[in-house]
PDB file of N, CA and C in Angstrom:
ATOM      1  N   MET A   1     115.270  30.719  64.942  1.00  0.00           N
ATOM      2  CA  MET A   1     113.896  31.483  64.922  1.00  0.00           C
ATOM      3  C   MET A   1     113.211  30.755  66.045  1.00  0.00           C
ATOM      4  N   ALA A   2     112.707  31.732  66.706  1.00  0.00           N
ATOM      5  CA  ALA A   2     112.260  30.969  67.769  1.00  0.00           C
ATOM      6  C   ALA A   2     110.140  30.244  67.333  1.00  0.00           C
ATOM      7  N   MET A   3     110.364  29.514  68.087  1.00  0.00           N
ATOM      8  CA  MET A   3     109.047  28.544  67.474  1.00  0.00           C
ATOM      9  C   MET A   3     107.805  29.353  68.541  1.00  0.00           C
ATOM     10  N   ASN A   4     106.764  29.732  67.362  1.00  0.00           N
ATOM     11  CA  ASN A   4     105.289  30.515  68.322  1.00  0.00           C
ATOM     12  C   ASN A   4     104.120  28.693  68.688  1.00  0.00           C
ATOM     13  N   ILE A   5     104.601  28.951  69.546  1.00  0.00           N
ATOM     14  CA  ILE A   5     103.515  27.602  70.220  1.00  0.00           C
ATOM     15  C   ILE A   5     102.323  28.334  71.435  1.00  0.00           C
ATOM     16  N   ASP A   6     101.782  27.706  70.973  1.00  0.00           N
ATOM     17  CA  ASP A   6      99.836  28.259  71.250  1.00  0.00           C
ATOM     18  C   ASP A   6     100.299  27.719  73.042  1.00  0.00           C
ATOM     19  N   PRO A   7      99.913  29.269  73.996  1.00  0.00           N
ATOM     20  CA  PRO A   7     100.341  28.866  75.147  1.00  0.00           C
ATOM     21  C   PRO A   7      99.236  27.644  75.996  1.00  0.00           C
ATOM     22  N   GLU A   8      98.233  27.722  74.843  1.00  0.00           N
ATOM     23  CA  GLU A   8      97.243  26.786  76.174  1.00  0.00           C
ATOM     24  C   GLU A   8      97.918  25.631  75.237  1.00  0.00           C
ATOM     25  N   ARG A   9      98.251  25.290  74.319  1.00  0.00           N
ATOM     26  CA  ARG A   9      98.723  24.005  73.777  1.00  0.00           C
ATOM     27  C   ARG A   9      99.931  22.871  74.763  1.00  0.00           C
ATOM     28  N   GLN A  10     100.915  24.632  74.959  1.00  0.00           N
ATOM     29  CA  GLN A  10     102.148  24.258  75.804  1.00  0.00           C
ATOM     30  C   GLN A  10     101.296  23.714  76.849  1.00  0.00           C
ATOM     31  N   ARG A  11     100.558  24.341  77.626  1.00  0.00           N
ATOM     32  CA  ARG A  11      99.985  24.113  78.848  1.00  0.00           C
ATOM     33  C   ARG A  11      99.411  22.678  79.165  1.00  0.00           C
ATOM     34  N   ARG A  12      98.782  22.730  78.424  1.00  0.00           N
ATOM     35  CA  ARG A  12      98.069  21.166  77.910  1.00  0.00           C
ATOM     36  C   ARG A  12      98.920  20.014  77.697  1.00  0.00           C
ATOM     37  N   LEU A  13     100.064  20.259  77.060  1.00  0.00           N
ATOM     38  CA  LEU A  13     101.196  19.164  77.034  1.00  0.00           C
ATOM     39  C   LEU A  13     101.884  18.979  77.565  1.00  0.00           C
ATOM     40  N   ARG A  14     101.642  19.940  78.785  1.00  0.00           N
ATOM     41  CA  ARG A  14     102.831  19.781  80.130  1.00  0.00           C
ATOM     42  C   ARG A  14     101.404  19.265  81.394  1.00  0.00           C
ATOM     43  N   GLU A  15     100.469  19.851  80.962  1.00  0.00           N
ATOM     44  CA  GLU A  15      99.615  18.845  82.164  1.00  0.00           C
ATOM     45  C   GLU A  15      99.701  17.294  81.356  1.00  0.00           C
ATOM     46  N   LEU A  16      99.719  16.962  80.450  1.00  0.00           N
ATOM     47  CA  LEU A  16      99.882  15.473  79.888  1.00  0.00           C
ATOM     48  C   LEU A  16     100.870  14.971  80.558  1.00  0.00           C
ATOM     49  N   ALA A  17     102.202  15.856  79.886  1.00  0.00           N
ATOM     50  CA  ALA A  17     103.646  14.972  80.460  1.00  0.00           C
ATOM     51  C   ALA A  17     103.160  14.717  82.024  1.00  0.00           C
ATOM     52  N   GLU A  18     102.625  15.694  83.025  1.00  0.00           N
ATOM     53  CA  GLU A  18     102.884  15.371  84.465  1.00  0.00           C
ATOM     54  C   GLU A  18     102.524  14.390  84.595  1.00  0.00           C
ATOM     55  N   LEU A  19     100.598  14.174  83.894  1.00  0.00           N
ATOM     56  CA  LEU A  19     100.008  12.919  84.073  1.00  0.00           C
ATOM     57  C   LEU A  19     100.680  11.612  83.683  1.00  0.00           C
ATOM     58  N   HIS A  20     101.080  11.417  82.993  1.00  0.00           N
ATOM     59  CA  HIS A  20     102.254  10.564  82.282  1.00  0.00           C
ATOM     60  C   HIS A  20     103.082  10.096  83.510  1.00  0.00           C
ATOM     61  N   ALA A  21     103.610  11.265  83.916  1.00  0.00           N
ATOM     62  CA  ALA A  21     105.190  10.283  84.523  1.00  0.00           C
ATOM     63  C   ALA A  21     104.336  10.270  85.686  1.00  0.00           C
ATOM     64  N   ARG A  22     103.493  10.731  86.283  1.00  0.00           N
ATOM     65  CA  ARG A  22     102.468  10.164  87.608  1.00  0.00           C
ATOM     66  C   ARG A  22     102.565   8.614  87.649  1.00  0.00           C
ATOM     67  N   TRP A  23     101.045   8.948  86.384  1.00  0.00           N
ATOM     68  CA  TRP A  23     100.688   7.304  86.236  1.00  0.00           C
ATOM     69  C   TRP A  23     101.772   6.353  86.198  1.00  0.00           C
ATOM     70  N   GLN A  24     103.254   6.566  85.276  1.00  0.00           N
ATOM     71  CA  GLN A  24     103.812   5.575  85.671  1.00  0.00           C
ATOM     72  C   GLN A  24     104.432   5.193  86.430  1.00  0.00           C
ATOM     73  N   SER A  25     104.831   6.172  87.184  1.00  0.00           N
ATOM     74  CA  SER A  25     105.564   5.862  88.802  1.00  0.00           C
ATOM     75  C   SER A  25     104.708   4.865  89.676  1.00  0.00           C
ATOM     76  N   ALA A  26     102.892   5.165  89.615  1.00  0.00           N
ATOM     77  CA  ALA A  26     102.073   4.729  89.985  1.00  0.00           C
ATOM     78  C   ALA A  26     101.807   3.162  89.841  1.00  0.00           C
ATOM     79  N   HIS A  27     102.267   2.730  88.537  1.00  0.00           N
ATOM     80  CA  HIS A  27     102.388   1.621  88.016  1.00  0.00           C
ATOM     81  C   HIS A  27     103.272   0.664  87.233  1.00  0.00           C
ATOM     82  N   GLN A  28     104.304   1.581  87.855  1.00  0.00           N
ATOM     83  CA  GLN A  28     105.874   1.234  87.916  1.00  0.00           C
ATOM     84  C   GLN A  28     105.873   0.509  86.275  1.00  0.00           C
ATOM     85  N   VAL A  29     105.354   1.352  85.413  1.00  0.00           N
ATOM     86  CA  VAL A  29     105.592   1.148  84.159  1.00  0.00           C
ATOM     87  C   VAL A  29     106.775   1.415  83.649  1.00  0.00           C
ATOM     88  N   ASP A  30     107.718   0.637  82.760  1.00  0.00           N
ATOM     89  CA  ASP A  30     108.975   1.927  82.364  1.00  0.00           C
ATOM     90  C   ASP A  30     108.904   1.289  80.322  1.00  0.00           C
ATOM     91  N   ASP A  31     109.379   2.504  79.875  1.00  0.00           N
ATOM     92  CA  ASP A  31     109.420   2.183  78.808  1.00  0.00           C
ATOM     93  C   ASP A  31     110.474   1.476  78.092  1.00  0.00           C
ATOM     94  N   ALA A  32     111.780   1.262  78.857  1.00  0.00           N
ATOM     95  CA  ALA A  32     112.642  -0.172  78.792  1.00  0.00           C
ATOM     96  C   ALA A  32     112.113  -0.805  77.851  1.00  0.00           C
ATOM     97  N   GLU A  33     112.729  -1.488  77.159  1.00  0.00           N
ATOM     98  CA  GLU A  33     112.269  -3.156  76.758  1.00  0.00           C
ATOM     99  C   GLU A  33     112.277  -3.683  78.084  1.00  0.00           C
ATOM    100  N   PHE A  34     111.309  -4.718  78.042  1.00  0.00           N
ATOM    101  CA  PHE A  34     111.573  -5.680  79.293  1.00  0.00           C
ATOM    102  C   PHE A  34     111.997  -6.747  78.717  1.00  0.00           C
ATOM    103  N   THR A  35     112.770  -7.176  79.811  1.00  0.00           N
ATOM    104  CA  THR A  35     113.681  -8.068  79.720  1.00  0.00           C
ATOM    105  C   THR A  35     113.763  -9.154  81.344  1.00  0.00           C
ATOM    106  N   PRO A  36     113.085 -10.385  80.954  1.00  0.00           N
ATOM    107  CA  PRO A  36     113.324 -11.006  82.276  1.00  0.00           C
ATOM    108  C   PRO A  36     114.287 -10.794  82.820  1.00  0.00           C
ATOM    109  N   GLU A  37     115.563 -10.871  82.466  1.00  0.00           N
ATOM    110  CA  GLU A  37     116.430 -11.427  83.361  1.00  0.00           C
ATOM    111  C   GLU A  37     117.425 -10.194  84.182  1.00  0.00           C
ATOM    112  N   GLY A  38     116.077  -8.819  83.827  1.00  0.00           N
ATOM    113  CA  GLY A  38     116.514  -7.698  84.611  1.00  0.00           C
ATOM    114  C   GLY A  38     116.346  -7.512  85.662  1.00  0.00           C
ATOM    115  N   ALA A  39     117.491  -6.409  86.669  1.00  0.00           N
ATOM    116  CA  ALA A  39     117.602  -6.744  87.922  1.00  0.00           C
ATOM    117  C   ALA A  39     116.101  -6.576  88.068  1.00  0.00           C
ATOM    118  N   ASP A  40     115.361  -5.350  87.709  1.00  0.00           N
ATOM    119  CA  ASP A  40     114.652  -5.038  88.570  1.00  0.00           C
ATOM    120  C   ASP A  40     112.804  -5.489  87.670  1.00  0.00           C
ATOM    121  N   SER A  41     112.917  -6.563  86.655  1.00  0.00           N
ATOM    122  CA  SER A  41     111.592  -7.078  86.524  1.00  0.00           C
ATOM    123  C   SER A  41     110.628  -7.463  86.752  1.00  0.00           C
ATOM    124  N   ALA A  42     111.225  -8.140  88.451  1.00  0.00           N
ATOM    125  CA  ALA A  42     109.894  -8.715  88.900  1.00  0.00           C
ATOM    126  C   ALA A  42     108.875  -7.375  89.582  1.00  0.00           C
ATOM    127  N   ASN A  43     109.743  -6.041  89.240  1.00  0.00           N
ATOM    128  CA  ASN A  43     109.037  -4.618  90.000  1.00  0.00           C
ATOM    129  C   ASN A  43     107.903  -3.977  88.997  1.00  0.00           C
ATOM    130  N   ARG A  44     107.902  -4.856  87.698  1.00  0.00           N
ATOM    131  CA  ARG A  44     107.016  -4.096  86.219  1.00  0.00           C
ATOM    132  C   ARG A  44     106.159  -4.991  86.505  1.00  0.00           C
ATOM    133  N   ARG A  45     105.131  -4.459  86.126  1.00  0.00           N
ATOM    134  CA  ARG A  45     103.733  -5.079  85.523  1.00  0.00           C
ATOM    135  C   ARG A  45     102.995  -4.490  84.783  1.00  0.00           C
ATOM    136  N   SER A  46     102.028  -5.074  84.163  1.00  0.00           N
ATOM    137  CA  SER A  46     101.235  -4.016  82.936  1.00  0.00           C
ATOM    138  C   SER A  46     100.286  -3.585  83.939  1.00  0.00           C
ATOM    139  N   PRO A  47      99.967  -2.715  83.031  1.00  0.00           N
ATOM    140  CA  PRO A  47      98.726  -1.925  84.065  1.00  0.00           C
ATOM    141  C   PRO A  47      97.350  -2.759  83.870  1.00  0.00           C
ATOM    142  N   SER A  48      96.671  -2.624  84.838  1.00  0.00           N
ATOM    143  CA  SER A  48      95.464  -2.873  84.673  1.00  0.00           C
ATOM    144  C   SER A  48      94.658  -2.682  83.225  1.00  0.00           C
ATOM    145  N   PRO A  49      93.311  -3.069  83.012  1.00  0.00           N
ATOM    146  CA  PRO A  49      93.140  -2.446  81.210  1.00  0.00           C
ATOM    147  C   PRO A  49      92.287  -0.849  82.475  1.00  0.00           C
ATOM    148  N   GLN A  50      91.853  -1.371  83.249  1.00  0.00           N
ATOM    149  CA  GLN A  50      90.803  -0.037  83.906  1.00  0.00           C
ATOM    150  C   GLN A  50      91.580   1.046  84.208  1.00  0.00           C
ATOM    151  N   ALA A  51      93.279   0.798  84.690  1.00  0.00           N
ATOM    152  CA  ALA A  51      94.430   1.461  84.573  1.00  0.00           C
ATOM    153  C   ALA A  51      94.530   2.358  83.556  1.00  0.00           C
ATOM    154  N   GLN A  52      94.794   1.436  82.528  1.00  0.00           N
ATOM    155  CA  GLN A  52      94.486   2.111  81.107  1.00  0.00           C
ATOM    156  C   GLN A  52      93.177   2.851  80.557  1.00  0.00           C
ATOM    157  N   ARG A  53      92.447   2.577  81.016  1.00  0.00           N
ATOM    158  CA  ARG A  53      91.161   3.147  80.511  1.00  0.00           C
ATOM    159  C   ARG A  53      91.488   4.824  80.942  1.00  0.00           C
ATOM    160  N   GLU A  54      91.451   4.652  82.709  1.00  0.00           N
ATOM    161  CA  GLU A  54      91.173   5.948  83.439  1.00  0.00           C
ATOM    162  C   GLU A  54      92.180   6.562  83.012  1.00  0.00           C
ATOM    163  N   TYR A  55      93.922   6.248  82.965  1.00  0.00           N
ATOM    164  CA  TYR A  55      94.449   7.057  81.691  1.00  0.00           C
ATOM    165  C   TYR A  55      94.239   7.868  80.623  1.00  0.00           C
ATOM    166  N   LEU A  56      93.693   6.968  79.546  1.00  0.00           N
ATOM    167  CA  LEU A  56      93.517   7.704  78.558  1.00  0.00           C
ATOM    168  C   LEU A  56      92.067   8.439  78.572  1.00  0.00           C
ATOM    169  N   ARG A  57      91.619   8.466  79.316  1.00  0.00           N
ATOM    170  CA  ARG A  57      90.313   9.002  79.571  1.00  0.00           C
ATOM    171  C   ARG A  57      90.512  10.593  80.072  1.00  0.00           C
ATOM    172  N   ARG A  58      91.857  10.571  81.330  1.00  0.00           N
ATOM    173  CA  ARG A  58      91.994  11.490  81.688  1.00  0.00           C
ATOM    174  C   ARG A  58      93.177  12.461  80.530  1.00  0.00           C
ATOM    175  N   ALA A  59      93.944  12.129  79.662  1.00  0.00           N
ATOM    176  CA  ALA A  59      94.563  12.005  78.671  1.00  0.00           C
ATOM    177  C   ALA A  59      93.454  12.650  77.663  1.00  0.00           C
ATOM    178  N   ARG A  60      92.593  12.269  77.294  1.00  0.00           N
ATOM    179  CA  ARG A  60      91.626  12.971  76.332  1.00  0.00           C
ATOM    180  C   ARG A  60      90.813  14.340  77.010  1.00  0.00           C
ATOM    181  N   GLU A  61      91.134  14.519  78.016  1.00  0.00           N
ATOM    182  CA  GLU A  61      89.671  15.490  78.706  1.00  0.00           C
ATOM    183  C   GLU A  61      91.494  16.740  78.496  1.00  0.00           C
ATOM    184  N   ILE A  62      92.534  16.494  79.183  1.00  0.00           N
ATOM    185  CA  ILE A  62      94.024  17.057  79.492  1.00  0.00           C
ATOM    186  C   ILE A  62      93.606  18.139  77.649  1.00  0.00           C
ATOM    187  N   MET A  63      93.706  17.080  76.606  1.00  0.00           N
ATOM    188  CA  MET A  63      93.630  17.784  75.448  1.00  0.00           C
ATOM    189  C   MET A  63      92.906  17.889  75.199  1.00  0.00           C
ATOM    190  N   GLY A  64      91.276  18.451  75.258  1.00  0.00           N
ATOM    191  CA  GLY A  64      90.415  18.846  74.833  1.00  0.00           C
ATOM    192  C   GLY A  64      89.348  18.211  74.240  1.00  0.00           C
ATOM    193  N   LEU A  65      89.487  16.952  74.313  1.00  0.00           N
ATOM    194  CA  LEU A  65      88.720  15.501  73.597  1.00  0.00           C
ATOM    195  C   LEU A  65      87.767  15.505  74.564  1.00  0.00           C
ATOM    196  N   ASP A  66      86.699  14.538  73.704  1.00  0.00           N
ATOM    197  CA  ASP A  66      85.689  14.324  74.664  1.00  0.00           C
ATOM    198  C   ASP A  66      86.303  12.543  74.997  1.00  0.00           C
ATOM    199  N   PRO A  67      86.045  12.874  76.421  1.00  0.00           N
ATOM    200  CA  PRO A  67      87.116  11.539  77.533  1.00  0.00           C
ATOM    201  C   PRO A  67      86.525   9.828  76.632  1.00  0.00           C
ATOM    202  N   ASP A  68      85.282  10.010  76.571  1.00  0.00           N
ATOM    203  CA  ASP A  68      84.965   9.178  75.704  1.00  0.00           C
ATOM    204  C   ASP A  68      85.040   8.820  74.548  1.00  0.00           C
ATOM    205  N   THR A  69      84.885   9.078  73.438  1.00  0.00           N
ATOM    206  CA  THR A  69      84.956   8.997  72.034  1.00  0.00           C
ATOM    207  C   THR A  69      86.213   9.508  71.614  1.00  0.00           C
ATOM    208  N   GLY A  70      86.702  10.204  72.287  1.00  0.00           N
ATOM    209  CA  GLY A  70      88.340  10.758  71.658  1.00  0.00           C
ATOM    210  C   GLY A  70      88.278  11.771  70.559  1.00  0.00           C
ATOM    211  N   HIS A  71      86.994  12.306  70.655  1.00  0.00           N
ATOM    212  CA  HIS A  71      86.705  13.141  69.479  1.00  0.00           C
ATOM    213  C   HIS A  71      86.638  14.310  69.974  1.00  0.00           C
ATOM    214  N   TYR A  72      87.501  15.369  68.700  1.00  0.00           N
ATOM    215  CA  TYR A  72      87.634  16.992  69.240  1.00  0.00           C
ATOM    216  C   TYR A  72      86.518  17.679  70.104  1.00  0.00           C
ATOM    217  N   ARG A  73      85.965  18.269  70.821  1.00  0.00           N
ATOM    218  CA  ARG A  73      84.954  18.846  71.431  1.00  0.00           C
ATOM    219  C   ARG A  73      84.986  20.205  71.086  1.00  0.00           C
ATOM    220  N   GLY A  74      86.332  20.955  70.241  1.00  0.00           N
ATOM    221  CA  GLY A  74      86.112  22.459  70.301  1.00  0.00           C
ATOM    222  C   GLY A  74      85.939  23.057  71.434  1.00  0.00           C
ATOM    223  N   THR A  75      85.677  24.454  71.219  1.00  0.00           N
ATOM    224  CA  THR A  75      85.359  25.635  72.367  1.00  0.00           C
ATOM    225  C   THR A  75      84.085  24.847  72.847  1.00  0.00           C
ATOM    226  N   GLU A  76      83.701  25.519  74.409  1.00  0.00           N
ATOM    227  CA  GLU A  76      82.561  25.170  74.947  1.00  0.00           C
ATOM    228  C   GLU A  76      82.252  26.558  75.979  1.00  0.00           C
TER     229      GLU A  76
END
């Protein structure tokens, strides 16, 4: 049985995935558990609080939420 997913929701989720991939690449974030002994551990760092806020704000916009509060905006 095929799932009927709203095309707008699919578009938003794709855009969110692309944002996440770009953000991880730009900030050298790795989802893998950090180990100091890791070969590339010197290249990993925590993104700045400002970078994290910017990501969250853009992600909220993509998903149709208020970028400041995260509350649902509905259709405008």
